[in-house]
PDB file of N, CA and C in Angstrom:
ATOM      1  N   MET A   1     143.204 320.573  77.357  1.00  0.00           N
ATOM      2  CA  MET A   1     143.082 319.224  77.863  1.00  0.00           C
ATOM      3  C   MET A   1     144.476 318.600  77.854  1.00  0.00           C
ATOM      4  N   SER A   2     144.844 317.966  78.950  1.00  0.00           N
ATOM      5  CA  SER A   2     146.175 317.383  79.041  1.00  0.00           C
ATOM      6  C   SER A   2     146.243 316.090  78.237  1.00  0.00           C
ATOM      7  N   SER A   3     147.475 315.668  77.970  1.00  0.00           N
ATOM      8  CA  SER A   3     147.641 314.449  77.180  1.00  0.00           C
ATOM      9  C   SER A   3     147.170 313.226  77.960  1.00  0.00           C
ATOM     10  N   ARG A   4     147.298 313.267  79.286  1.00  0.00           N
ATOM     11  CA  ARG A   4     146.806 312.136  80.102  1.00  0.00           C
ATOM     12  C   ARG A   4     145.289 312.033  80.031  1.00  0.00           C
ATOM     13  N   THR A   5     144.613 313.168  80.071  1.00  0.00           N
ATOM     14  CA  THR A   5     143.154 313.173  79.981  1.00  0.00           C
ATOM     15  C   THR A   5     142.725 312.682  78.603  1.00  0.00           C
ATOM     16  N   ARG A   6     143.406 313.154  77.569  1.00  0.00           N
ATOM     17  CA  ARG A   6     143.099 312.735  76.210  1.00  0.00           C
ATOM     18  C   ARG A   6     143.338 311.235  76.043  1.00  0.00           C
ATOM     19  N   GLN A   7     144.444 310.752  76.610  1.00  0.00           N
ATOM     20  CA  GLN A   7     144.749 309.332  76.512  1.00  0.00           C
ATOM     21  C   GLN A   7     143.709 308.501  77.264  1.00  0.00           C
ATOM     22  N   ARG A   8     143.297 308.976  78.431  1.00  0.00           N
ATOM     23  CA  ARG A   8     142.282 308.252  79.210  1.00  0.00           C
ATOM     24  C   ARG A   8     140.949 308.203  78.451  1.00  0.00           C
ATOM     25  N   GLU A   9     140.577 309.317  77.816  1.00  0.00           N
ATOM     26  CA  GLU A   9     139.345 309.344  77.021  1.00  0.00           C
ATOM     27  C   GLU A   9     139.439 308.394  75.838  1.00  0.00           C
ATOM     28  N   ASP A  10     140.609 308.327  75.209  1.00  0.00           N
ATOM     29  CA  ASP A  10     140.787 307.419  74.083  1.00  0.00           C
ATOM     30  C   ASP A  10     140.703 305.961  74.536  1.00  0.00           C
ATOM     31  N   VAL A  11     141.255 305.656  75.684  1.00  0.00           N
ATOM     32  CA  VAL A  11     141.172 304.295  76.228  1.00  0.00           C
ATOM     33  C   VAL A  11     139.717 303.950  76.537  1.00  0.00           C
ATOM     34  N   ASP A  12     138.993 304.884  77.138  1.00  0.00           N
ATOM     35  CA  ASP A  12     137.576 304.642  77.446  1.00  0.00           C
ATOM     36  C   ASP A  12     136.761 304.444  76.174  1.00  0.00           C
ATOM     37  N   ARG A  13     137.052 305.243  75.143  1.00  0.00           N
ATOM     38  CA  ARG A  13     136.343 305.120  73.867  1.00  0.00           C
ATOM     39  C   ARG A  13     136.644 303.760  73.223  1.00  0.00           C
ATOM     40  N   ALA A  14     137.911 303.350  73.270  1.00  0.00           N
ATOM     41  CA  ALA A  14     138.292 302.049  72.703  1.00  0.00           C
ATOM     42  C   ALA A  14     137.618 300.917  73.466  1.00  0.00           C
ATOM     43  N   TYR A  15     137.529 301.050  74.790  1.00  0.00           N
ATOM     44  CA  TYR A  15     136.864 300.019  75.599  1.00  0.00           C
ATOM     45  C   TYR A  15     135.384 299.925  75.242  1.00  0.00           C
ATOM     46  N   ALA A  16     134.739 301.067  75.057  1.00  0.00           N
ATOM     47  CA  ALA A  16     133.316 301.065  74.699  1.00  0.00           C
ATOM     48  C   ALA A  16     133.103 300.436  73.326  1.00  0.00           C
ATOM     49  N   ILE A  17     133.951 300.779  72.369  1.00  0.00           N
ATOM     50  CA  ILE A  17     133.848 300.199  71.029  1.00  0.00           C
ATOM     51  C   ILE A  17     134.048 298.693  71.089  1.00  0.00           C
ATOM     52  N   GLN A  18     135.049 298.270  71.850  1.00  0.00           N
ATOM     53  CA  GLN A  18     135.351 296.849  71.964  1.00  0.00           C
ATOM     54  C   GLN A  18     134.216 296.093  72.655  1.00  0.00           C
ATOM     55  N   SER A  19     133.641 296.681  73.676  1.00  0.00           N
ATOM     56  CA  SER A  19     132.546 296.024  74.395  1.00  0.00           C
ATOM     57  C   SER A  19     131.325 295.852  73.505  1.00  0.00           C
ATOM     58  N   GLN A  20     130.973 296.901  72.782  1.00  0.00           N
ATOM     59  CA  GLN A  20     129.809 296.812  71.892  1.00  0.00           C
ATOM     60  C   GLN A  20     130.030 295.786  70.790  1.00  0.00           C
ATOM     61  N   ALA A  21     131.232 295.762  70.226  1.00  0.00           N
ATOM     62  CA  ALA A  21     131.529 294.801  69.161  1.00  0.00           C
ATOM     63  C   ALA A  21     131.551 293.375  69.705  1.00  0.00           C
ATOM     64  N   ALA A  22     132.023 293.206  70.933  1.00  0.00           N
ATOM     65  CA  ALA A  22     132.042 291.871  71.542  1.00  0.00           C
ATOM     66  C   ALA A  22     130.628 291.346  71.730  1.00  0.00           C
ATOM     67  N   ILE A  23     129.733 292.198  72.193  1.00  0.00           N
ATOM     68  CA  ILE A  23     128.346 291.790  72.399  1.00  0.00           C
ATOM     69  C   ILE A  23     127.690 291.432  71.061  1.00  0.00           C
ATOM     70  N   ALA A  24     127.907 292.266  70.066  1.00  0.00           N
ATOM     71  CA  ALA A  24     127.326 292.002  68.744  1.00  0.00           C
ATOM     72  C   ALA A  24     127.902 290.724  68.133  1.00  0.00           C
ATOM     73  N   GLY A  25     129.214 290.542  68.245  1.00  0.00           N
ATOM     74  CA  GLY A  25     129.842 289.337  67.699  1.00  0.00           C
ATOM     75  C   GLY A  25     129.377 288.081  68.414  1.00  0.00           C
ATOM     76  N   ALA A  26     129.235 288.173  69.735  1.00  0.00           N
ATOM     77  CA  ALA A  26     128.755 287.020  70.504  1.00  0.00           C
ATOM     78  C   ALA A  26     127.322 286.683  70.132  1.00  0.00           C
ATOM     79  N   ALA A  27     126.495 287.679  69.945  1.00  0.00           N
ATOM     80  CA  ALA A  27     125.099 287.431  69.588  1.00  0.00           C
ATOM     81  C   ALA A  27     124.993 286.775  68.209  1.00  0.00           C
ATOM     82  N   ARG A  28     125.770 287.301  67.245  1.00  0.00           N
ATOM     83  CA  ARG A  28     125.743 286.720  65.899  1.00  0.00           C
ATOM     84  C   ARG A  28     126.216 285.270  65.911  1.00  0.00           C
ATOM     85  N   SER A  29     127.347 285.023  66.553  1.00  0.00           N
ATOM     86  CA  SER A  29     127.892 283.665  66.507  1.00  0.00           C
ATOM     87  C   SER A  29     127.078 282.699  67.366  1.00  0.00           C
ATOM     88  N   THR A  30     126.419 283.194  68.414  1.00  0.00           N
ATOM     89  CA  THR A  30     125.517 282.336  69.189  1.00  0.00           C
ATOM     90  C   THR A  30     124.352 281.902  68.316  1.00  0.00           C
ATOM     91  N   ALA A  31     123.811 282.820  67.547  1.00  0.00           N
ATOM     92  CA  ALA A  31     122.710 282.483  66.639  1.00  0.00           C
ATOM     93  C   ALA A  31     123.160 281.448  65.612  1.00  0.00           C
ATOM     94  N   VAL A  32     124.373 281.617  65.093  1.00  0.00           N
ATOM     95  CA  VAL A  32     124.909 280.641  64.137  1.00  0.00           C
ATOM     96  C   VAL A  32     125.075 279.286  64.818  1.00  0.00           C
ATOM     97  N   GLY A  33     125.634 279.282  66.016  1.00  0.00           N
ATOM     98  CA  GLY A  33     125.843 278.034  66.745  1.00  0.00           C
ATOM     99  C   GLY A  33     124.544 277.319  67.054  1.00  0.00           C
ATOM    100  N   ILE A  34     123.541 278.056  67.489  1.00  0.00           N
ATOM    101  CA  ILE A  34     122.233 277.448  67.777  1.00  0.00           C
ATOM    102  C   ILE A  34     121.607 276.909  66.490  1.00  0.00           C
ATOM    103  N   GLY A  35     121.700 277.690  65.429  1.00  0.00           N
ATOM    104  CA  GLY A  35     121.162 277.233  64.142  1.00  0.00           C
ATOM    105  C   GLY A  35     121.833 275.961  63.666  1.00  0.00           C
ATOM    106  N   LEU A  36     123.158 275.908  63.770  1.00  0.00           N
ATOM    107  CA  LEU A  36     123.867 274.700  63.354  1.00  0.00           C
ATOM    108  C   LEU A  36     123.531 273.513  64.251  1.00  0.00           C
ATOM    109  N   ALA A  37     123.381 273.762  65.549  1.00  0.00           N
ATOM    110  CA  ALA A  37     123.019 272.682  66.471  1.00  0.00           C
ATOM    111  C   ALA A  37     121.632 272.130  66.151  1.00  0.00           C
ATOM    112  N   ILE A  38     120.703 273.010  65.829  1.00  0.00           N
ATOM    113  CA  ILE A  38     119.346 272.572  65.474  1.00  0.00           C
ATOM    114  C   ILE A  38     119.387 271.761  64.179  1.00  0.00           C
ATOM    115  N   MET A  39     120.137 272.260  63.198  1.00  0.00           N
ATOM    116  CA  MET A  39     120.239 271.524  61.933  1.00  0.00           C
ATOM    117  C   MET A  39     120.886 270.161  62.142  1.00  0.00           C
ATOM    118  N   ALA A  40     121.972 270.140  62.903  1.00  0.00           N
ATOM    119  CA  ALA A  40     122.662 268.873  63.150  1.00  0.00           C
ATOM    120  C   ALA A  40     121.768 267.916  63.924  1.00  0.00           C
ATOM    121  N   HIS A  41     120.974 268.428  64.848  1.00  0.00           N
ATOM    122  CA  HIS A  41     120.068 267.582  65.630  1.00  0.00           C
ATOM    123  C   HIS A  41     119.037 266.917  64.716  1.00  0.00           C
ATOM    124  N   HIS A  42     118.549 267.643  63.750  1.00  0.00           N
ATOM    125  CA  HIS A  42     117.538 267.090  62.846  1.00  0.00           C
ATOM    126  C   HIS A  42     118.135 266.237  61.736  1.00  0.00           C
ATOM    127  N   LEU A  43     119.383 266.472  61.379  1.00  0.00           N
ATOM    128  CA  LEU A  43     119.971 265.771  60.236  1.00  0.00           C
ATOM    129  C   LEU A  43     120.877 264.604  60.616  1.00  0.00           C
ATOM    130  N   SER A  44     121.415 264.601  61.826  1.00  0.00           N
ATOM    131  CA  SER A  44     122.411 263.584  62.174  1.00  0.00           C
ATOM    132  C   SER A  44     121.967 262.766  63.385  1.00  0.00           C
ATOM    133  N   PRO A  45     121.833 261.474  63.230  1.00  0.00           N
ATOM    134  CA  PRO A  45     121.490 260.636  64.383  1.00  0.00           C
ATOM    135  C   PRO A  45     122.605 260.604  65.428  1.00  0.00           C
ATOM    136  N   VAL A  46     123.857 260.751  64.995  1.00  0.00           N
ATOM    137  CA  VAL A  46     124.980 260.764  65.941  1.00  0.00           C
ATOM    138  C   VAL A  46     124.883 262.006  66.837  1.00  0.00           C
ATOM    139  N   PHE A  47     124.612 263.142  66.234  1.00  0.00           N
ATOM    140  CA  PHE A  47     124.494 264.374  67.023  1.00  0.00           C
ATOM    141  C   PHE A  47     123.256 264.334  67.910  1.00  0.00           C
ATOM    142  N   ARG A  48     122.211 263.739  67.442  1.00  0.00           N
ATOM    143  CA  ARG A  48     120.973 263.647  68.218  1.00  0.00           C
ATOM    144  C   ARG A  48     121.196 262.863  69.509  1.00  0.00           C
ATOM    145  N   ARG A  49     122.100 261.868  69.492  1.00  0.00           N
ATOM    146  CA  ARG A  49     122.372 261.054  70.675  1.00  0.00           C
ATOM    147  C   ARG A  49     123.247 261.769  71.703  1.00  0.00           C
ATOM    148  N   GLN A  50     123.848 262.892  71.332  1.00  0.00           N
ATOM    149  CA  GLN A  50     124.707 263.618  72.262  1.00  0.00           C
ATOM    150  C   GLN A  50     123.873 264.247  73.373  1.00  0.00           C
ATOM    151  N   THR A  51     124.525 264.472  74.510  1.00  0.00           N
ATOM    152  CA  THR A  51     123.803 265.060  75.647  1.00  0.00           C
ATOM    153  C   THR A  51     123.555 266.540  75.404  1.00  0.00           C
ATOM    154  N   LEU A  52     122.594 267.067  76.124  1.00  0.00           N
ATOM    155  CA  LEU A  52     122.273 268.484  76.006  1.00  0.00           C
ATOM    156  C   LEU A  52     123.448 269.347  76.467  1.00  0.00           C
ATOM    157  N   SER A  53     124.166 268.882  77.497  1.00  0.00           N
ATOM    158  CA  SER A  53     125.308 269.665  77.978  1.00  0.00           C
ATOM    159  C   SER A  53     126.415 269.745  76.923  1.00  0.00           C
ATOM    160  N   PHE A  54     126.625 268.686  76.160  1.00  0.00           N
ATOM    161  CA  PHE A  54     127.627 268.734  75.092  1.00  0.00           C
ATOM    162  C   PHE A  54     127.202 269.702  74.003  1.00  0.00           C
ATOM    163  N   LYS A  55     125.925 269.674  73.646  1.00  0.00           N
ATOM    164  CA  LYS A  55     125.408 270.600  72.629  1.00  0.00           C
ATOM    165  C   LYS A  55     125.540 272.041  73.107  1.00  0.00           C
ATOM    166  N   ALA A  56     125.252 272.270  74.395  1.00  0.00           N
ATOM    167  CA  ALA A  56     125.418 273.618  74.958  1.00  0.00           C
ATOM    168  C   ALA A  56     126.883 274.029  74.963  1.00  0.00           C
ATOM    169  N   PHE A  57     127.775 273.068  75.210  1.00  0.00           N
ATOM    170  CA  PHE A  57     129.207 273.347  75.169  1.00  0.00           C
ATOM    171  C   PHE A  57     129.629 273.798  73.774  1.00  0.00           C
ATOM    172  N   LEU A  58     129.137 273.130  72.738  1.00  0.00           N
ATOM    173  CA  LEU A  58     129.462 273.525  71.371  1.00  0.00           C
ATOM    174  C   LEU A  58     128.936 274.920  71.053  1.00  0.00           C
ATOM    175  N   VAL A  59     127.713 275.211  71.473  1.00  0.00           N
ATOM    176  CA  VAL A  59     127.138 276.540  71.228  1.00  0.00           C
ATOM    177  C   VAL A  59     127.927 277.602  71.999  1.00  0.00           C
ATOM    178  N   SER A  60     128.348 277.287  73.231  1.00  0.00           N
ATOM    179  CA  SER A  60     129.134 278.265  73.990  1.00  0.00           C
ATOM    180  C   SER A  60     130.486 278.512  73.326  1.00  0.00           C
ATOM    181  N   GLY A  61     131.027 277.493  72.659  1.00  0.00           N
ATOM    182  CA  GLY A  61     132.267 277.691  71.896  1.00  0.00           C
ATOM    183  C   GLY A  61     132.068 278.688  70.764  1.00  0.00           C
ATOM    184  N   PHE A  62     130.946 278.585  70.073  1.00  0.00           N
ATOM    185  CA  PHE A  62     130.617 279.566  69.031  1.00  0.00           C
ATOM    186  C   PHE A  62     130.491 280.962  69.628  1.00  0.00           C
ATOM    187  N   THR A  63     129.840 281.038  70.798  1.00  0.00           N
ATOM    188  CA  THR A  63     129.640 282.342  71.447  1.00  0.00           C
ATOM    189  C   THR A  63     130.976 282.978  71.815  1.00  0.00           C
ATOM    190  N   ILE A  64     131.850 282.201  72.415  1.00  0.00           N
ATOM    191  CA  ILE A  64     133.158 282.725  72.832  1.00  0.00           C
ATOM    192  C   ILE A  64     133.977 283.137  71.613  1.00  0.00           C
ATOM    193  N   PHE A  65     133.912 282.331  70.563  1.00  0.00           N
ATOM    194  CA  PHE A  65     134.613 282.676  69.320  1.00  0.00           C
ATOM    195  C   PHE A  65     134.153 284.032  68.805  1.00  0.00           C
ATOM    196  N   GLY A  66     132.840 284.222  68.729  1.00  0.00           N
ATOM    197  CA  GLY A  66     132.296 285.486  68.228  1.00  0.00           C
ATOM    198  C   GLY A  66     132.644 286.660  69.126  1.00  0.00           C
ATOM    199  N   LEU A  67     132.614 286.436  70.436  1.00  0.00           N
ATOM    200  CA  LEU A  67     132.941 287.494  71.391  1.00  0.00           C
ATOM    201  C   LEU A  67     134.382 287.953  71.208  1.00  0.00           C
ATOM    202  N   ILE A  68     135.299 287.014  71.160  1.00  0.00           N
ATOM    203  CA  ILE A  68     136.718 287.353  71.081  1.00  0.00           C
ATOM    204  C   ILE A  68     137.061 287.992  69.738  1.00  0.00           C
ATOM    205  N   PHE A  69     136.655 287.345  68.653  1.00  0.00           N
ATOM    206  CA  PHE A  69     137.047 287.854  67.344  1.00  0.00           C
ATOM    207  C   PHE A  69     136.294 289.124  66.962  1.00  0.00           C
ATOM    208  N   GLY A  70     135.067 289.268  67.424  1.00  0.00           N
ATOM    209  CA  GLY A  70     134.340 290.513  67.174  1.00  0.00           C
ATOM    210  C   GLY A  70     134.995 291.691  67.878  1.00  0.00           C
ATOM    211  N   ALA A  71     135.363 291.479  69.138  1.00  0.00           N
ATOM    212  CA  ALA A  71     136.010 292.552  69.900  1.00  0.00           C
ATOM    213  C   ALA A  71     137.386 292.880  69.324  1.00  0.00           C
ATOM    214  N   GLU A  72     138.134 291.853  68.967  1.00  0.00           N
ATOM    215  CA  GLU A  72     139.484 292.078  68.438  1.00  0.00           C
ATOM    216  C   GLU A  72     139.444 292.815  67.106  1.00  0.00           C
ATOM    217  N   ALA A  73     138.531 292.427  66.233  1.00  0.00           N
ATOM    218  CA  ALA A  73     138.439 293.091  64.935  1.00  0.00           C
ATOM    219  C   ALA A  73     138.066 294.563  65.103  1.00  0.00           C
ATOM    220  N   ALA A  74     137.137 294.850  66.009  1.00  0.00           N
ATOM    221  CA  ALA A  74     136.735 296.245  66.230  1.00  0.00           C
ATOM    222  C   ALA A  74     137.882 297.055  66.827  1.00  0.00           C
ATOM    223  N   LEU A  75     138.629 296.446  67.751  1.00  0.00           N
ATOM    224  CA  LEU A  75     139.742 297.171  68.363  1.00  0.00           C
ATOM    225  C   LEU A  75     140.850 297.435  67.350  1.00  0.00           C
ATOM    226  N   VAL A  76     141.154 296.472  66.510  1.00  0.00           N
ATOM    227  CA  VAL A  76     142.186 296.669  65.483  1.00  0.00           C
ATOM    228  C   VAL A  76     141.756 297.764  64.509  1.00  0.00           C
ATOM    229  N   GLU A  77     140.487 297.755  64.129  1.00  0.00           N
ATOM    230  CA  GLU A  77     139.980 298.801  63.228  1.00  0.00           C
ATOM    231  C   GLU A  77     140.077 300.179  63.892  1.00  0.00           C
ATOM    232  N   HIS A  78     139.713 300.251  65.177  1.00  0.00           N
ATOM    233  CA  HIS A  78     139.804 301.526  65.904  1.00  0.00           C
ATOM    234  C   HIS A  78     141.260 301.997  65.982  1.00  0.00           C
ATOM    235  N   GLU A  79     142.175 301.091  66.286  1.00  0.00           N
ATOM    236  CA  GLU A  79     143.593 301.458  66.367  1.00  0.00           C
ATOM    237  C   GLU A  79     144.111 301.937  65.018  1.00  0.00           C
ATOM    238  N   ASN A  80     143.708 301.273  63.942  1.00  0.00           N
ATOM    239  CA  ASN A  80     144.139 301.707  62.602  1.00  0.00           C
ATOM    240  C   ASN A  80     143.603 303.099  62.283  1.00  0.00           C
ATOM    241  N   ASN A  81     142.352 303.358  62.632  1.00  0.00           N
ATOM    242  CA  ASN A  81     141.781 304.696  62.403  1.00  0.00           C
ATOM    243  C   ASN A  81     142.521 305.746  63.215  1.00  0.00           C
ATOM    244  N   ARG A  82     142.809 305.457  64.479  1.00  0.00           N
ATOM    245  CA  ARG A  82     143.539 306.411  65.320  1.00  0.00           C
ATOM    246  C   ARG A  82     144.943 306.653  64.766  1.00  0.00           C
ATOM    247  N   ARG A  83     145.591 305.594  64.298  1.00  0.00           N
ATOM    248  CA  ARG A  83     146.934 305.729  63.737  1.00  0.00           C
ATOM    249  C   ARG A  83     146.901 306.600  62.488  1.00  0.00           C
ATOM    250  N   ARG A  84     145.888 306.395  61.626  1.00  0.00           N
ATOM    251  CA  ARG A  84     145.763 307.229  60.423  1.00  0.00           C
ATOM    252  C   ARG A  84     145.540 308.690  60.786  1.00  0.00           C
ATOM    253  N   GLU A  85     144.645 308.934  61.760  1.00  0.00           N
ATOM    254  CA  GLU A  85     144.383 310.306  62.201  1.00  0.00           C
ATOM    255  C   GLU A  85     145.647 310.953  62.765  1.00  0.00           C
ATOM    256  N   GLU A  86     146.381 310.201  63.568  1.00  0.00           N
ATOM    257  CA  GLU A  86     147.608 310.736  64.165  1.00  0.00           C
ATOM    258  C   GLU A  86     148.649 311.021  63.086  1.00  0.00           C
ATOM    259  N   ASN A  87     148.769 310.137  62.114  1.00  0.00           N
ATOM    260  CA  ASN A  87     149.734 310.370  61.034  1.00  0.00           C
ATOM    261  C   ASN A  87     149.363 311.592  60.204  1.00  0.00           C
ATOM    262  N   LEU A  88     148.080 311.781  59.928  1.00  0.00           N
ATOM    263  CA  LEU A  88     147.647 312.976  59.198  1.00  0.00           C
ATOM    264  C   LEU A  88     147.940 314.243  59.994  1.00  0.00           C
ATOM    265  N   LEU A  89     147.679 314.189  61.294  1.00  0.00           N
ATOM    266  CA  LEU A  89     147.940 315.343  62.152  1.00  0.00           C
ATOM    267  C   LEU A  89     149.436 315.651  62.218  1.00  0.00           C
ATOM    268  N   ARG A  90     150.257 314.608  62.339  1.00  0.00           N
ATOM    269  CA  ARG A  90     151.707 314.812  62.385  1.00  0.00           C
ATOM    270  C   ARG A  90     152.220 315.354  61.051  1.00  0.00           C
ATOM    271  N   ARG A  91     151.662 314.870  59.941  1.00  0.00           N
ATOM    272  CA  ARG A  91     152.070 315.379  58.626  1.00  0.00           C
ATOM    273  C   ARG A  91     151.728 316.860  58.512  1.00  0.00           C
ATOM    274  N   GLU A  92     150.522 317.217  58.967  1.00  0.00           N
ATOM    275  CA  GLU A  92     150.118 318.622  58.934  1.00  0.00           C
ATOM    276  C   GLU A  92     151.041 319.473  59.809  1.00  0.00           C
ATOM    277  N   ALA A  93     151.404 318.936  60.981  1.00  0.00           N
ATOM    278  CA  ALA A  93     152.304 319.665  61.877  1.00  0.00           C
ATOM    279  C   ALA A  93     153.679 319.838  61.230  1.00  0.00           C
ATOM    280  N   ARG A  94     154.196 318.783  60.618  1.00  0.00           N
ATOM    281  CA  ARG A  94     155.510 318.891  59.971  1.00  0.00           C
ATOM    282  C   ARG A  94     155.498 319.936  58.852  1.00  0.00           C
ATOM    283  N   LEU A  95     154.419 319.935  58.049  1.00  0.00           N
ATOM    284  CA  LEU A  95     154.333 320.913  56.964  1.00  0.00           C
ATOM    285  C   LEU A  95     154.236 322.338  57.502  1.00  0.00           C
ATOM    286  N   ASP A  96     153.409 322.536  58.520  1.00  0.00           N
ATOM    287  CA  ASP A  96     153.241 323.872  59.095  1.00  0.00           C
ATOM    288  C   ASP A  96     154.536 324.354  59.745  1.00  0.00           C
ATOM    289  N   LEU A  97     155.201 323.465  60.465  1.00  0.00           N
ATOM    290  CA  LEU A  97     156.468 323.852  61.092  1.00  0.00           C
ATOM    291  C   LEU A  97     157.538 324.136  60.043  1.00  0.00           C
ATOM    292  N   ALA A  98     157.537 323.384  58.948  1.00  0.00           N
ATOM    293  CA  ALA A  98     158.511 323.632  57.881  1.00  0.00           C
ATOM    294  C   ALA A  98     158.255 324.985  57.225  1.00  0.00           C
ATOM    295  N   ARG A  99     156.973 325.362  57.075  1.00  0.00           N
ATOM    296  CA  ARG A  99     156.646 326.686  56.507  1.00  0.00           C
ATOM    297  C   ARG A  99     157.170 327.803  57.398  1.00  0.00           C
ATOM    298  N   ARG A 100     157.169 327.552  58.710  1.00  0.00           N
ATOM    299  CA  ARG A 100     157.680 328.555  59.653  1.00  0.00           C
ATOM    300  C   ARG A 100     159.202 328.522  59.757  1.00  0.00           C
ATOM    301  N   GLY A 101     159.829 327.529  59.137  1.00  0.00           N
ATOM    302  CA  GLY A 101     161.286 327.425  59.178  1.00  0.00           C
ATOM    303  C   GLY A 101     161.797 326.678  60.396  1.00  0.00           C
ATOM    304  N   LEU A 102     160.944 325.866  61.015  1.00  0.00           N
ATOM    305  CA  LEU A 102     161.343 325.103  62.195  1.00  0.00           C
ATOM    306  C   LEU A 102     161.531 323.636  61.833  1.00  0.00           C
ATOM    307  N   VAL A 103     162.410 322.982  62.580  1.00  0.00           N
ATOM    308  CA  VAL A 103     162.610 321.547  62.400  1.00  0.00           C
ATOM    309  C   VAL A 103     161.527 320.833  63.216  1.00  0.00           C
ATOM    310  N   ALA A 104     160.885 319.839  62.612  1.00  0.00           N
ATOM    311  CA  ALA A 104     159.753 319.159  63.254  1.00  0.00           C
ATOM    312  C   ALA A 104     160.241 318.067  64.205  1.00  0.00           C
ATOM    313  N   THR A 105     160.719 318.480  65.370  1.00  0.00           N
ATOM    314  CA  THR A 105     161.096 317.513  66.397  1.00  0.00           C
ATOM    315  C   THR A 105     159.844 317.101  67.164  1.00  0.00           C
ATOM    316  N   GLU A 106     159.983 316.085  67.987  1.00  0.00           N
ATOM    317  CA  GLU A 106     158.839 315.629  68.786  1.00  0.00           C
ATOM    318  C   GLU A 106     158.332 316.752  69.693  1.00  0.00           C
ATOM    319  N   THR A 107     159.223 317.517  70.252  1.00  0.00           N
ATOM    320  CA  THR A 107     158.840 318.619  71.128  1.00  0.00           C
ATOM    321  C   THR A 107     158.088 319.687  70.359  1.00  0.00           C
ATOM    322  N   GLU A 108     158.584 320.035  69.180  1.00  0.00           N
ATOM    323  CA  GLU A 108     157.915 321.047  68.364  1.00  0.00           C
ATOM    324  C   GLU A 108     156.538 320.571  67.912  1.00  0.00           C
ATOM    325  N   ILE A 109     156.430 319.300  67.550  1.00  0.00           N
ATOM    326  CA  ILE A 109     155.133 318.762  67.143  1.00  0.00           C
ATOM    327  C   ILE A 109     154.162 318.785  68.319  1.00  0.00           C
ATOM    328  N   ALA A 110     154.637 318.418  69.514  1.00  0.00           N
ATOM    329  CA  ALA A 110     153.775 318.447  70.701  1.00  0.00           C
ATOM    330  C   ALA A 110     153.334 319.877  71.004  1.00  0.00           C
ATOM    331  N   ASN A 111     154.251 320.845  70.880  1.00  0.00           N
ATOM    332  CA  ASN A 111     153.882 322.246  71.093  1.00  0.00           C
ATOM    333  C   ASN A 111     152.884 322.718  70.041  1.00  0.00           C
ATOM    334  N   TRP A 112     153.079 322.294  68.781  1.00  0.00           N
ATOM    335  CA  TRP A 112     152.151 322.654  67.710  1.00  0.00           C
ATOM    336  C   TRP A 112     150.759 322.106  68.003  1.00  0.00           C
ATOM    337  N   LYS A 113     150.695 320.865  68.461  1.00  0.00           N
ATOM    338  CA  LYS A 113     149.393 320.266  68.800  1.00  0.00           C
ATOM    339  C   LYS A 113     148.730 321.028  69.941  1.00  0.00           C
ATOM    340  N   ALA A 114     149.514 321.381  70.955  1.00  0.00           N
ATOM    341  CA  ALA A 114     148.960 322.120  72.103  1.00  0.00           C
ATOM    342  C   ALA A 114     148.448 323.485  71.661  1.00  0.00           C
ATOM    343  N   ASP A 115     149.222 324.182  70.805  1.00  0.00           N
ATOM    344  CA  ASP A 115     148.774 325.484  70.296  1.00  0.00           C
ATOM    345  C   ASP A 115     147.493 325.346  69.487  1.00  0.00           C
ATOM    346  N   ARG A 116     147.441 324.325  68.651  1.00  0.00           N
ATOM    347  CA  ARG A 116     146.253 324.099  67.826  1.00  0.00           C
ATOM    348  C   ARG A 116     145.030 323.800  68.693  1.00  0.00           C
ATOM    349  N   GLU A 117     145.227 323.004  69.720  1.00  0.00           N
ATOM    350  CA  GLU A 117     144.103 322.684  70.609  1.00  0.00           C
ATOM    351  C   GLU A 117     143.658 323.927  71.390  1.00  0.00           C
ATOM    352  N   ARG A 118     144.615 324.747  71.804  1.00  0.00           N
ATOM    353  CA  ARG A 118     144.268 325.990  72.499  1.00  0.00           C
ATOM    354  C   ARG A 118     143.455 326.905  71.590  1.00  0.00           C
ATOM    355  N   GLU A 119     143.844 326.991  70.319  1.00  0.00           N
ATOM    356  CA  GLU A 119     143.102 327.816  69.364  1.00  0.00           C
ATOM    357  C   GLU A 119     141.685 327.283  69.167  1.00  0.00           C
ATOM    358  N   ARG A 120     141.541 325.976  69.114  1.00  0.00           N
ATOM    359  CA  ARG A 120     140.206 325.376  68.972  1.00  0.00           C
ATOM    360  C   ARG A 120     139.356 325.655  70.213  1.00  0.00           C
ATOM    361  N   ASP A 121     139.961 325.580  71.387  1.00  0.00           N
ATOM    362  CA  ASP A 121     139.215 325.863  72.621  1.00  0.00           C
ATOM    363  C   ASP A 121     138.758 327.317  72.653  1.00  0.00           C
ATOM    364  N   ILE A 122     139.619 328.210  72.192  1.00  0.00           N
ATOM    365  CA  ILE A 122     139.254 329.633  72.142  1.00  0.00           C
ATOM    366  C   ILE A 122     138.131 329.842  71.143  1.00  0.00           C
ATOM    367  N   ASP A 123     138.223 329.181  69.980  1.00  0.00           N
ATOM    368  CA  ASP A 123     137.151 329.295  68.972  1.00  0.00           C
ATOM    369  C   ASP A 123     135.833 328.734  69.497  1.00  0.00           C
ATOM    370  N   ASN A 124     135.890 327.644  70.233  1.00  0.00           N
ATOM    371  CA  ASN A 124     134.663 327.036  70.768  1.00  0.00           C
ATOM    372  C   ASN A 124     134.038 327.873  71.880  1.00  0.00           C
ATOM    373  N   THR A 125     134.850 328.533  72.704  1.00  0.00           N
ATOM    374  CA  THR A 125     134.301 329.356  73.776  1.00  0.00           C
ATOM    375  C   THR A 125     133.741 330.661  73.242  1.00  0.00           C
ATOM    376  N   SER A 126     134.254 331.154  72.111  1.00  0.00           N
ATOM    377  CA  SER A 126     133.767 332.411  71.567  1.00  0.00           C
ATOM    378  C   SER A 126     132.439 332.232  70.817  1.00  0.00           C
ATOM    379  N   LEU A 127     132.098 330.992  70.494  1.00  0.00           N
ATOM    380  CA  LEU A 127     130.835 330.744  69.786  1.00  0.00           C
ATOM    381  C   LEU A 127     129.746 330.859  70.759  1.00  0.00           C
TER     382      LEU A 127
END
């Protein structure tokens, strides 16, 4: 698999994770916003006098907040996980290349990754 294909798959995976987290975050914060609006309507005469469109505006603010921050938190977590995985893989490559007596340059690490992926593909096809 080429690096462009791998990168495209990673972008698609990140987009899917972000979309799902955005929907979940929006749903949670919408529920909170509606709950707070209902409580404020019953407890505050000032809020009760507000128009329905203003109340809907406040609830939509909660929804947008949850959508944005839910998606951002999930994307940051995904990026941190990918960074950790990449660092572990690079560390393994550096150690393996050092055992072979090679200097771990970017080119050597990329070749090591390609060789490792080729070996995995061969192992998967032989099963």
